[in-house]
């Protein structure tokens, strides 16, 4: 989608997702619990807005504007999670000079709840990533990167759970295959595991053992490829139990989440908001007294 066309469409576009055969109108507003998910991906060290004379993104983005938006949403609904789908590092001199310190400190000030790891987050090596983790007050989740033989062992979790207004939310992460994409000396003994098999296993754990009411996958696989390479749409089709896949890596601008089917014919949301922090995704889930859920989502230009 061309950028200018995207800008015109995205402020008004909203996708409605129905789960379990119920529509949003089926619920009594008085009994609804609302969980808001805000998300970013592929920010690539863009701290400041683009300049006014930028060809593609004039005056867009910037951490300060994102902070204002996030605070406004949290005032509207305290039951909000803020998530990132990877590639936090690399793209401006801020990363070249400070090695990720600024990015993590600012994300901590914005009170991100969790993030996954993108391929560019290895650009200063696995030791460089470890060195910056003390600047992050949020957790990193990655289920298909086996760090057990690296310095990141015990620092990255496969998943994390949150409870908001009595609703239990499970968040897990998936990363892209690093071989051929990242210099082996940067990720060292990190082992890449099949994301589909891992997603099946972890989402089952979150559903059946953790008893989560909402399951979110933070994916840095990419939205869609014409080849057999695994992507978010293929992941959705081959798994179950996942309610939403929040994607990254492919820098795909979606004005609203894609509604697709999982392996048992249930609806799944797949969303991605481009790159460089110029957009924030918002998805609102609504739960009735029996924890039946529905949702709506859109992309917001910062």
C-alpha atoms as a PDB file:
ATOM      1  CA  UNK A   1       0.000   0.000   0.000  1.00  0.00           C
ATOM      2  CA  UNK A   2       1.330   3.444  -0.911  1.00  0.00           C
ATOM      3  CA  UNK A   3       2.148   5.609   2.080  1.00  0.00           C
ATOM      4  CA  UNK A   4      -0.059   8.591   1.180  1.00  0.00           C
ATOM      5  CA  UNK A   5      -3.062   6.343   0.548  1.00  0.00           C
ATOM      6  CA  UNK A   6      -2.362   4.644   3.870  1.00  0.00           C
ATOM      7  CA  UNK A   7      -2.394   7.974   5.733  1.00  0.00           C
ATOM      8  CA  UNK A   8      -5.800   8.872   4.313  1.00  0.00           C
ATOM      9  CA  UNK A   9      -7.294   5.521   5.254  1.00  0.00           C
ATOM     10  CA  UNK A  10      -5.739   4.681   8.574  1.00  0.00           C
ATOM     11  CA  UNK A  11      -7.249   7.256  10.893  1.00  0.00           C
ATOM     12  CA  UNK A  12     -10.772   5.990  10.282  1.00  0.00           C
ATOM     13  CA  UNK A  13     -10.206   2.312   9.570  1.00  0.00           C
ATOM     14  CA  UNK A  14     -11.420  -0.118  12.217  1.00  0.00           C
ATOM     15  CA  UNK A  15     -11.649  -3.903  12.085  1.00  0.00           C
ATOM     16  CA  UNK A  16     -14.227  -5.743  14.141  1.00  0.00           C
ATOM     17  CA  UNK A  17     -13.399  -9.281  15.236  1.00  0.00           C
ATOM     18  CA  UNK A  18     -16.071 -11.663  16.440  1.00  0.00           C
ATOM     19  CA  UNK A  19     -15.091 -14.660  18.558  1.00  0.00           C
ATOM     20  CA  UNK A  20     -17.367 -17.504  19.563  1.00  0.00           C
ATOM     21  CA  UNK A  21     -20.203 -16.354  17.299  1.00  0.00           C
ATOM     22  CA  UNK A  22     -20.856 -13.156  19.244  1.00  0.00           C
ATOM     23  CA  UNK A  23     -20.824  -9.605  17.921  1.00  0.00           C
ATOM     24  CA  UNK A  24     -19.975  -6.468  19.856  1.00  0.00           C
ATOM     25  CA  UNK A  25     -23.639  -5.517  19.832  1.00  0.00           C
ATOM     26  CA  UNK A  26     -24.441  -8.791  21.649  1.00  0.00           C
ATOM     27  CA  UNK A  27     -22.908  -7.471  24.850  1.00  0.00           C
ATOM     28  CA  UNK A  28     -24.476  -5.199  27.435  1.00  0.00           C
ATOM     29  CA  UNK A  29     -22.212  -2.157  27.738  1.00  0.00           C
ATOM     30  CA  UNK A  30     -22.669  -2.128  31.503  1.00  0.00           C
ATOM     31  CA  UNK A  31     -21.202  -5.612  31.902  1.00  0.00           C
ATOM     32  CA  UNK A  32     -18.258  -5.299  29.521  1.00  0.00           C
ATOM     33  CA  UNK A  33     -14.641  -5.378  30.606  1.00  0.00           C
ATOM     34  CA  UNK A  34     -12.374  -3.574  28.146  1.00  0.00           C
ATOM     35  CA  UNK A  35      -8.715  -4.504  27.600  1.00  0.00           C
ATOM     36  CA  UNK A  36      -6.732  -2.193  25.326  1.00  0.00           C
ATOM     37  CA  UNK A  37      -3.602  -3.354  23.507  1.00  0.00           C
ATOM     38  CA  UNK A  38      -1.248  -0.692  22.137  1.00  0.00           C
ATOM     39  CA  UNK A  39       1.673  -1.849  20.031  1.00  0.00           C
ATOM     40  CA  UNK A  40       4.659  -0.804  17.931  1.00  0.00           C
ATOM     41  CA  UNK A  41       7.199  -2.604  15.752  1.00  0.00           C
ATOM     42  CA  UNK A  42      10.439  -1.857  13.900  1.00  0.00           C
ATOM     43  CA  UNK A  43      10.953   1.531  15.536  1.00  0.00           C
ATOM     44  CA  UNK A  44      14.654   1.288  14.585  1.00  0.00           C
ATOM     45  CA  UNK A  45      16.041   3.865  17.015  1.00  0.00           C
ATOM     46  CA  UNK A  46      13.849   6.699  15.694  1.00  0.00           C
ATOM     47  CA  UNK A  47      13.693   8.908  18.765  1.00  0.00           C
ATOM     48  CA  UNK A  48      12.796  12.197  17.099  1.00  0.00           C
ATOM     49  CA  UNK A  49      10.046  12.961  14.553  1.00  0.00           C
ATOM     50  CA  UNK A  50      10.896  13.001  10.878  1.00  0.00           C
ATOM     51  CA  UNK A  51      11.721  16.515   9.629  1.00  0.00           C
ATOM     52  CA  UNK A  52       9.117  18.620   7.876  1.00  0.00           C
ATOM     53  CA  UNK A  53      10.872  18.213   4.531  1.00  0.00           C
ATOM     54  CA  UNK A  54      11.069  14.404   4.659  1.00  0.00           C
ATOM     55  CA  UNK A  55       9.744  12.921   1.419  1.00  0.00           C
ATOM     56  CA  UNK A  56       7.829  10.003   2.975  1.00  0.00           C
ATOM     57  CA  UNK A  57       7.016  10.803   6.610  1.00  0.00           C
ATOM     58  CA  UNK A  58       7.081  14.605   7.144  1.00  0.00           C
ATOM     59  CA  UNK A  59       6.581  15.590  10.797  1.00  0.00           C
ATOM     60  CA  UNK A  60       5.525  12.054  11.735  1.00  0.00           C
ATOM     61  CA  UNK A  61       6.630   9.901  14.641  1.00  0.00           C
ATOM     62  CA  UNK A  62       8.836  10.679  17.617  1.00  0.00           C
ATOM     63  CA  UNK A  63       8.839   9.311  21.149  1.00  0.00           C
ATOM     64  CA  UNK A  64       7.303  12.467  22.641  1.00  0.00           C
ATOM     65  CA  UNK A  65       4.193  12.215  20.469  1.00  0.00           C
ATOM     66  CA  UNK A  66       3.908   8.517  21.162  1.00  0.00           C
ATOM     67  CA  UNK A  67       4.124   9.213  24.889  1.00  0.00           C
ATOM     68  CA  UNK A  68       1.276  11.725  24.650  1.00  0.00           C
ATOM     69  CA  UNK A  69      -0.905   9.253  22.771  1.00  0.00           C
ATOM     70  CA  UNK A  70      -0.158   6.404  25.174  1.00  0.00           C
ATOM     71  CA  UNK A  71      -0.913   8.537  28.214  1.00  0.00           C
ATOM     72  CA  UNK A  72      -4.231   9.649  26.708  1.00  0.00           C
ATOM     73  CA  UNK A  73      -5.270   6.038  26.064  1.00  0.00           C
ATOM     74  CA  UNK A  74      -4.256   4.960  29.570  1.00  0.00           C
ATOM     75  CA  UNK A  75      -6.358   7.752  31.043  1.00  0.00           C
ATOM     76  CA  UNK A  76      -9.308   6.482  29.007  1.00  0.00           C
ATOM     77  CA  UNK A  77      -8.672   2.873  30.018  1.00  0.00           C
ATOM     78  CA  UNK A  78      -6.193   1.939  32.775  1.00  0.00           C
ATOM     79  CA  UNK A  79      -6.467  -1.700  31.625  1.00  0.00           C
ATOM     80  CA  UNK A  80      -3.980  -1.133  28.811  1.00  0.00           C
ATOM     81  CA  UNK A  81      -0.936  -3.157  27.707  1.00  0.00           C
ATOM     82  CA  UNK A  82       1.888  -1.616  25.658  1.00  0.00           C
ATOM     83  CA  UNK A  83       3.882  -4.077  23.538  1.00  0.00           C
ATOM     84  CA  UNK A  84       6.625  -4.074  20.879  1.00  0.00           C
ATOM     85  CA  UNK A  85       7.335  -6.664  18.168  1.00  0.00           C
ATOM     86  CA  UNK A  86      11.079  -6.160  17.788  1.00  0.00           C
ATOM     87  CA  UNK A  87      13.804  -4.317  15.866  1.00  0.00           C
ATOM     88  CA  UNK A  88      14.070  -1.652  18.517  1.00  0.00           C
ATOM     89  CA  UNK A  89      17.714  -1.046  17.533  1.00  0.00           C
ATOM     90  CA  UNK A  90      19.517   0.282  14.443  1.00  0.00           C
ATOM     91  CA  UNK A  91      18.527   3.107  12.137  1.00  0.00           C
ATOM     92  CA  UNK A  92      19.751   6.428  13.552  1.00  0.00           C
ATOM     93  CA  UNK A  93      22.940   7.787  15.178  1.00  0.00           C
ATOM     94  CA  UNK A  94      21.309   7.309  18.589  1.00  0.00           C
ATOM     95  CA  UNK A  95      22.006   3.607  18.285  1.00  0.00           C
ATOM     96  CA  UNK A  96      25.471   4.057  16.794  1.00  0.00           C
ATOM     97  CA  UNK A  97      26.525   6.323  19.660  1.00  0.00           C
ATOM     98  CA  UNK A  98      24.664   4.865  22.659  1.00  0.00           C
ATOM     99  CA  UNK A  99      24.209   1.217  21.622  1.00  0.00           C
ATOM    100  CA  UNK A 100      20.542   0.943  22.601  1.00  0.00           C
ATOM    101  CA  UNK A 101      20.676   2.691  25.970  1.00  0.00           C
ATOM    102  CA  UNK A 102      18.454   5.575  24.881  1.00  0.00           C
ATOM    103  CA  UNK A 103      15.896   3.298  23.254  1.00  0.00           C
ATOM    104  CA  UNK A 104      15.461   1.098  26.322  1.00  0.00           C
ATOM    105  CA  UNK A 105      15.390   4.008  28.762  1.00  0.00           C
ATOM    106  CA  UNK A 106      12.705   5.801  26.771  1.00  0.00           C
ATOM    107  CA  UNK A 107      10.628   2.647  26.357  1.00  0.00           C
ATOM    108  CA  UNK A 108      10.872   2.185  30.121  1.00  0.00           C
ATOM    109  CA  UNK A 109       9.644   5.739  30.675  1.00  0.00           C
ATOM    110  CA  UNK A 110       6.726   4.990  28.367  1.00  0.00           C
ATOM    111  CA  UNK A 111       6.101   1.901  30.543  1.00  0.00           C
ATOM    112  CA  UNK A 112       6.183  -0.782  27.899  1.00  0.00           C
ATOM    113  CA  UNK A 113       4.970  -4.080  29.338  1.00  0.00           C
ATOM    114  CA  UNK A 114       6.838  -6.510  27.056  1.00  0.00           C
ATOM    115  CA  UNK A 115       8.765  -6.761  23.785  1.00  0.00           C
ATOM    116  CA  UNK A 116      10.177  -9.469  21.580  1.00  0.00           C
ATOM    117  CA  UNK A 117      13.593  -9.581  19.903  1.00  0.00           C
ATOM    118  CA  UNK A 118      14.125  -8.685  16.248  1.00  0.00           C
ATOM    119  CA  UNK A 119      17.114  -9.519  14.092  1.00  0.00           C
ATOM    120  CA  UNK A 120      18.530  -5.973  14.337  1.00  0.00           C
ATOM    121  CA  UNK A 121      18.479  -6.194  18.111  1.00  0.00           C
ATOM    122  CA  UNK A 122      21.564  -8.423  17.660  1.00  0.00           C
ATOM    123  CA  UNK A 123      23.455  -5.726  15.730  1.00  0.00           C
ATOM    124  CA  UNK A 124      25.805  -5.024  18.641  1.00  0.00           C
ATOM    125  CA  UNK A 125      26.056  -8.730  19.336  1.00  0.00           C
ATOM    126  CA  UNK A 126      24.403 -10.775  22.035  1.00  0.00           C
ATOM    127  CA  UNK A 127      26.777  -9.236  24.578  1.00  0.00           C
ATOM    128  CA  UNK A 128      25.751  -5.756  23.475  1.00  0.00           C
ATOM    129  CA  UNK A 129      22.092  -6.634  23.939  1.00  0.00           C
ATOM    130  CA  UNK A 130      22.790  -8.038  27.395  1.00  0.00           C
ATOM    131  CA  UNK A 131      24.689  -4.897  28.367  1.00  0.00           C
ATOM    132  CA  UNK A 132      21.592  -2.765  27.685  1.00  0.00           C
ATOM    133  CA  UNK A 133      19.035  -4.951  29.470  1.00  0.00           C
ATOM    134  CA  UNK A 134      19.487  -3.149  32.825  1.00  0.00           C
ATOM    135  CA  UNK A 135      18.062  -0.060  31.102  1.00  0.00           C
ATOM    136  CA  UNK A 136      14.811  -1.913  30.334  1.00  0.00           C
ATOM    137  CA  UNK A 137      12.184  -2.133  33.067  1.00  0.00           C
ATOM    138  CA  UNK A 138      10.025  -4.342  30.832  1.00  0.00           C
ATOM    139  CA  UNK A 139      10.524  -8.021  29.981  1.00  0.00           C
ATOM    140  CA  UNK A 140      11.640  -9.564  26.702  1.00  0.00           C
ATOM    141  CA  UNK A 141       9.768 -12.640  25.519  1.00  0.00           C
ATOM    142  CA  UNK A 142      11.022 -15.061  22.877  1.00  0.00           C
ATOM    143  CA  UNK A 143       9.906 -18.672  22.827  1.00  0.00           C
ATOM    144  CA  UNK A 144      11.708 -19.959  19.738  1.00  0.00           C
ATOM    145  CA  UNK A 145      15.171 -18.556  20.427  1.00  0.00           C
ATOM    146  CA  UNK A 146      16.973 -21.005  22.695  1.00  0.00           C
ATOM    147  CA  UNK A 147      19.448 -18.892  24.664  1.00  0.00           C
ATOM    148  CA  UNK A 148      20.400 -21.660  27.094  1.00  0.00           C
ATOM    149  CA  UNK A 149      24.021 -21.750  25.893  1.00  0.00           C
ATOM    150  CA  UNK A 150      24.441 -17.982  25.743  1.00  0.00           C
ATOM    151  CA  UNK A 151      24.854 -15.058  28.126  1.00  0.00           C
ATOM    152  CA  UNK A 152      21.125 -14.300  27.688  1.00  0.00           C
ATOM    153  CA  UNK A 153      20.123 -17.531  29.417  1.00  0.00           C
ATOM    154  CA  UNK A 154      17.500 -16.703  32.089  1.00  0.00           C
ATOM    155  CA  UNK A 155      17.223 -13.095  30.870  1.00  0.00           C
ATOM    156  CA  UNK A 156      14.630 -13.750  28.152  1.00  0.00           C
ATOM    157  CA  UNK A 157      11.359 -15.516  28.958  1.00  0.00           C
ATOM    158  CA  UNK A 158       9.267 -17.576  26.522  1.00  0.00           C
ATOM    159  CA  UNK A 159       6.125 -15.807  27.726  1.00  0.00           C
ATOM    160  CA  UNK A 160       4.700 -13.519  30.367  1.00  0.00           C
ATOM    161  CA  UNK A 161       1.204 -13.247  31.849  1.00  0.00           C
ATOM    162  CA  UNK A 162      -0.668 -10.159  32.990  1.00  0.00           C
ATOM    163  CA  UNK A 163      -3.956  -9.681  34.821  1.00  0.00           C
ATOM    164  CA  UNK A 164      -6.068  -6.638  33.968  1.00  0.00           C
ATOM    165  CA  UNK A 165      -9.481  -6.205  35.600  1.00  0.00           C
ATOM    166  CA  UNK A 166      -9.676  -9.944  36.296  1.00  0.00           C
ATOM    167  CA  UNK A 167      -8.783 -10.853  32.693  1.00  0.00           C
ATOM    168  CA  UNK A 168      -5.640 -12.996  32.348  1.00  0.00           C
ATOM    169  CA  UNK A 169      -3.503 -12.204  29.309  1.00  0.00           C
ATOM    170  CA  UNK A 170      -0.638 -14.329  28.006  1.00  0.00           C
ATOM    171  CA  UNK A 171       2.035 -12.789  25.783  1.00  0.00           C
ATOM    172  CA  UNK A 172       4.728 -14.823  24.020  1.00  0.00           C
ATOM    173  CA  UNK A 173       7.357 -13.992  21.418  1.00  0.00           C
ATOM    174  CA  UNK A 174       8.642 -15.495  18.168  1.00  0.00           C
ATOM    175  CA  UNK A 175      11.728 -14.490  16.193  1.00  0.00           C
ATOM    176  CA  UNK A 176      12.825 -14.894  12.590  1.00  0.00           C
ATOM    177  CA  UNK A 177      15.514 -17.368  11.545  1.00  0.00           C
ATOM    178  CA  UNK A 178      18.850 -15.656  12.115  1.00  0.00           C
ATOM    179  CA  UNK A 179      21.060 -17.752   9.843  1.00  0.00           C
ATOM    180  CA  UNK A 180      21.734 -15.860   6.621  1.00  0.00           C
ATOM    181  CA  UNK A 181      20.261 -12.683   8.098  1.00  0.00           C
ATOM    182  CA  UNK A 182      22.550 -11.937  11.056  1.00  0.00           C
ATOM    183  CA  UNK A 183      26.300 -12.461  11.372  1.00  0.00           C
ATOM    184  CA  UNK A 184      26.757 -15.689  13.395  1.00  0.00           C
ATOM    185  CA  UNK A 185      29.284 -13.977  15.653  1.00  0.00           C
ATOM    186  CA  UNK A 186      26.484 -11.648  16.776  1.00  0.00           C
ATOM    187  CA  UNK A 187      24.045 -14.322  17.948  1.00  0.00           C
ATOM    188  CA  UNK A 188      26.670 -16.968  18.827  1.00  0.00           C
ATOM    189  CA  UNK A 189      25.094 -20.165  20.232  1.00  0.00           C
ATOM    190  CA  UNK A 190      21.512 -18.910  20.002  1.00  0.00           C
ATOM    191  CA  UNK A 191      19.435 -21.761  18.558  1.00  0.00           C
ATOM    192  CA  UNK A 192      16.455 -21.086  16.314  1.00  0.00           C
ATOM    193  CA  UNK A 193      13.472 -23.381  16.933  1.00  0.00           C
ATOM    194  CA  UNK A 194      10.548 -24.003  14.574  1.00  0.00           C
ATOM    195  CA  UNK A 195       8.137 -21.124  15.292  1.00  0.00           C
ATOM    196  CA  UNK A 196       4.992 -23.059  14.375  1.00  0.00           C
ATOM    197  CA  UNK A 197       5.736 -25.966  16.690  1.00  0.00           C
ATOM    198  CA  UNK A 198       6.791 -23.621  19.480  1.00  0.00           C
ATOM    199  CA  UNK A 199       3.675 -21.482  19.007  1.00  0.00           C
ATOM    200  CA  UNK A 200       1.460 -24.563  19.275  1.00  0.00           C
ATOM    201  CA  UNK A 201       3.204 -25.649  22.461  1.00  0.00           C
ATOM    202  CA  UNK A 202       3.333 -22.275  24.197  1.00  0.00           C
ATOM    203  CA  UNK A 203      -0.205 -21.208  23.274  1.00  0.00           C
ATOM    204  CA  UNK A 204      -1.500 -24.544  24.593  1.00  0.00           C
ATOM    205  CA  UNK A 205       0.363 -23.942  27.856  1.00  0.00           C
ATOM    206  CA  UNK A 206      -1.086 -20.450  28.130  1.00  0.00           C
ATOM    207  CA  UNK A 207      -4.597 -21.723  27.408  1.00  0.00           C
ATOM    208  CA  UNK A 208      -4.719 -24.968  29.393  1.00  0.00           C
ATOM    209  CA  UNK A 209      -2.186 -24.503  32.187  1.00  0.00           C
ATOM    210  CA  UNK A 210      -2.069 -20.737  32.712  1.00  0.00           C
ATOM    211  CA  UNK A 211      -5.809 -20.404  31.953  1.00  0.00           C
ATOM    212  CA  UNK A 212      -5.378 -17.206  29.951  1.00  0.00           C
ATOM    213  CA  UNK A 213      -8.464 -15.455  28.634  1.00  0.00           C
ATOM    214  CA  UNK A 214      -6.510 -13.661  25.897  1.00  0.00           C
ATOM    215  CA  UNK A 215      -3.375 -14.926  24.122  1.00  0.00           C
ATOM    216  CA  UNK A 216      -1.082 -12.595  22.187  1.00  0.00           C
ATOM    217  CA  UNK A 217       1.873 -13.540  19.988  1.00  0.00           C
ATOM    218  CA  UNK A 218       4.569 -10.907  19.450  1.00  0.00           C
ATOM    219  CA  UNK A 219       6.036 -12.008  16.139  1.00  0.00           C
ATOM    220  CA  UNK A 220       9.113 -10.822  14.303  1.00  0.00           C
ATOM    221  CA  UNK A 221       8.554 -13.210  11.400  1.00  0.00           C
ATOM    222  CA  UNK A 222       7.054 -10.841   8.822  1.00  0.00           C
ATOM    223  CA  UNK A 223       3.462 -10.375   7.658  1.00  0.00           C
ATOM    224  CA  UNK A 224       3.347 -12.410   4.424  1.00  0.00           C
ATOM    225  CA  UNK A 225       5.722 -13.951   1.877  1.00  0.00           C
ATOM    226  CA  UNK A 226       4.846 -15.512  -1.467  1.00  0.00           C
ATOM    227  CA  UNK A 227       7.344 -18.304  -0.745  1.00  0.00           C
ATOM    228  CA  UNK A 228       6.960 -21.103   1.796  1.00  0.00           C
ATOM    229  CA  UNK A 229       8.830 -19.023   4.373  1.00  0.00           C
ATOM    230  CA  UNK A 230       6.865 -18.857   7.614  1.00  0.00           C
ATOM    231  CA  UNK A 231       5.042 -15.572   8.203  1.00  0.00           C
ATOM    232  CA  UNK A 232       2.274 -14.259  10.422  1.00  0.00           C
ATOM    233  CA  UNK A 233      -0.578 -15.309   8.148  1.00  0.00           C
ATOM    234  CA  UNK A 234       0.819 -18.839   7.769  1.00  0.00           C
ATOM    235  CA  UNK A 235       1.427 -19.003  11.515  1.00  0.00           C
ATOM    236  CA  UNK A 236      -2.199 -18.089  12.195  1.00  0.00           C
ATOM    237  CA  UNK A 237      -3.458 -20.731   9.742  1.00  0.00           C
ATOM    238  CA  UNK A 238      -1.337 -23.504  11.266  1.00  0.00           C
ATOM    239  CA  UNK A 239      -2.034 -22.882  14.966  1.00  0.00           C
ATOM    240  CA  UNK A 240      -4.891 -22.396  17.400  1.00  0.00           C
ATOM    241  CA  UNK A 241      -5.460 -20.701  20.783  1.00  0.00           C
ATOM    242  CA  UNK A 242      -3.837 -17.428  19.607  1.00  0.00           C
ATOM    243  CA  UNK A 243      -6.198 -14.440  19.589  1.00  0.00           C
ATOM    244  CA  UNK A 244      -3.886 -11.886  18.010  1.00  0.00           C
ATOM    245  CA  UNK A 245      -0.521 -11.901  16.262  1.00  0.00           C
ATOM    246  CA  UNK A 246       1.250  -8.561  16.569  1.00  0.00           C
ATOM    247  CA  UNK A 247       3.883  -8.581  13.856  1.00  0.00           C
ATOM    248  CA  UNK A 248       7.105  -6.952  12.754  1.00  0.00           C
ATOM    249  CA  UNK A 249      10.105  -7.310  10.435  1.00  0.00           C
ATOM    250  CA  UNK A 250       8.408  -6.747   7.060  1.00  0.00           C
ATOM    251  CA  UNK A 251       7.526  -3.070   7.767  1.00  0.00           C
ATOM    252  CA  UNK A 252       3.971  -3.705   6.596  1.00  0.00           C
ATOM    253  CA  UNK A 253       1.565  -0.780   6.921  1.00  0.00           C
ATOM    254  CA  UNK A 254      -1.876  -2.114   7.817  1.00  0.00           C
ATOM    255  CA  UNK A 255      -4.619   0.482   8.382  1.00  0.00           C
ATOM    256  CA  UNK A 256      -6.513  -2.100  10.400  1.00  0.00           C
ATOM    257  CA  UNK A 257      -5.870  -5.664  11.606  1.00  0.00           C
ATOM    258  CA  UNK A 258      -6.326  -8.515   9.172  1.00  0.00           C
ATOM    259  CA  UNK A 259      -8.971 -11.029  10.195  1.00  0.00           C
ATOM    260  CA  UNK A 260      -7.953 -14.553   9.221  1.00  0.00           C
ATOM    261  CA  UNK A 261      -8.724 -18.132  10.297  1.00  0.00           C
ATOM    262  CA  UNK A 262      -6.724 -20.483  12.497  1.00  0.00           C
ATOM    263  CA  UNK A 263      -6.345 -24.247  12.075  1.00  0.00           C
ATOM    264  CA  UNK A 264      -9.805 -24.933  13.517  1.00  0.00           C
ATOM    265  CA  UNK A 265     -11.634 -22.160  11.676  1.00  0.00           C
ATOM    266  CA  UNK A 266     -11.664 -19.564  14.437  1.00  0.00           C
ATOM    267  CA  UNK A 267     -10.905 -15.899  13.832  1.00  0.00           C
ATOM    268  CA  UNK A 268      -7.466 -14.489  14.541  1.00  0.00           C
ATOM    269  CA  UNK A 269      -6.320 -10.888  14.301  1.00  0.00           C
ATOM    270  CA  UNK A 270      -2.987 -10.188  12.604  1.00  0.00           C
ATOM    271  CA  UNK A 271      -1.661  -6.646  12.806  1.00  0.00           C
ATOM    272  CA  UNK A 272       1.477  -4.651  12.002  1.00  0.00           C
ATOM    273  CA  UNK A 273       1.963  -0.878  11.935  1.00  0.00           C
ATOM    274  CA  UNK A 274       4.796  -0.250   9.501  1.00  0.00           C
ATOM    275  CA  UNK A 275       8.026   1.085  10.976  1.00  0.00           C
ATOM    276  CA  UNK A 276      10.009   3.942  12.557  1.00  0.00           C
ATOM    277  CA  UNK A 277       7.455   4.730  15.270  1.00  0.00           C
ATOM    278  CA  UNK A 278       5.202   6.732  12.966  1.00  0.00           C
ATOM    279  CA  UNK A 279       2.176   4.596  13.911  1.00  0.00           C
ATOM    280  CA  UNK A 280       0.789   2.894  16.983  1.00  0.00           C
ATOM    281  CA  UNK A 281      -1.616  -0.021  16.750  1.00  0.00           C
ATOM    282  CA  UNK A 282      -4.644  -0.123  19.006  1.00  0.00           C
ATOM    283  CA  UNK A 283      -6.883  -3.142  19.585  1.00  0.00           C
ATOM    284  CA  UNK A 284      -9.680  -3.121  22.151  1.00  0.00           C
ATOM    285  CA  UNK A 285     -10.976  -6.433  23.472  1.00  0.00           C
ATOM    286  CA  UNK A 286     -14.341  -6.598  25.230  1.00  0.00           C
ATOM    287  CA  UNK A 287     -15.277  -9.373  27.643  1.00  0.00           C
ATOM    288  CA  UNK A 288     -18.743 -10.145  28.988  1.00  0.00           C
ATOM    289  CA  UNK A 289     -19.459 -11.699  32.389  1.00  0.00           C
ATOM    290  CA  UNK A 290     -18.698 -15.157  30.974  1.00  0.00           C
ATOM    291  CA  UNK A 291     -15.430 -13.929  29.422  1.00  0.00           C
ATOM    292  CA  UNK A 292     -16.750 -14.260  25.894  1.00  0.00           C
ATOM    293  CA  UNK A 293     -14.807 -11.745  23.837  1.00  0.00           C
ATOM    294  CA  UNK A 294     -14.954  -9.564  20.769  1.00  0.00           C
ATOM    295  CA  UNK A 295     -12.685  -6.772  19.561  1.00  0.00           C
ATOM    296  CA  UNK A 296     -12.043  -3.833  17.279  1.00  0.00           C
ATOM    297  CA  UNK A 297      -8.749  -2.454  16.054  1.00  0.00           C
ATOM    298  CA  UNK A 298      -7.144   0.371  14.100  1.00  0.00           C
ATOM    299  CA  UNK A 299      -3.815   2.021  13.350  1.00  0.00           C
ATOM    300  CA  UNK A 300      -3.178   5.500  14.730  1.00  0.00           C
ATOM    301  CA  UNK A 301      -0.764   7.915  13.069  1.00  0.00           C
ATOM    302  CA  UNK A 302       1.477   9.528  15.692  1.00  0.00           C
END
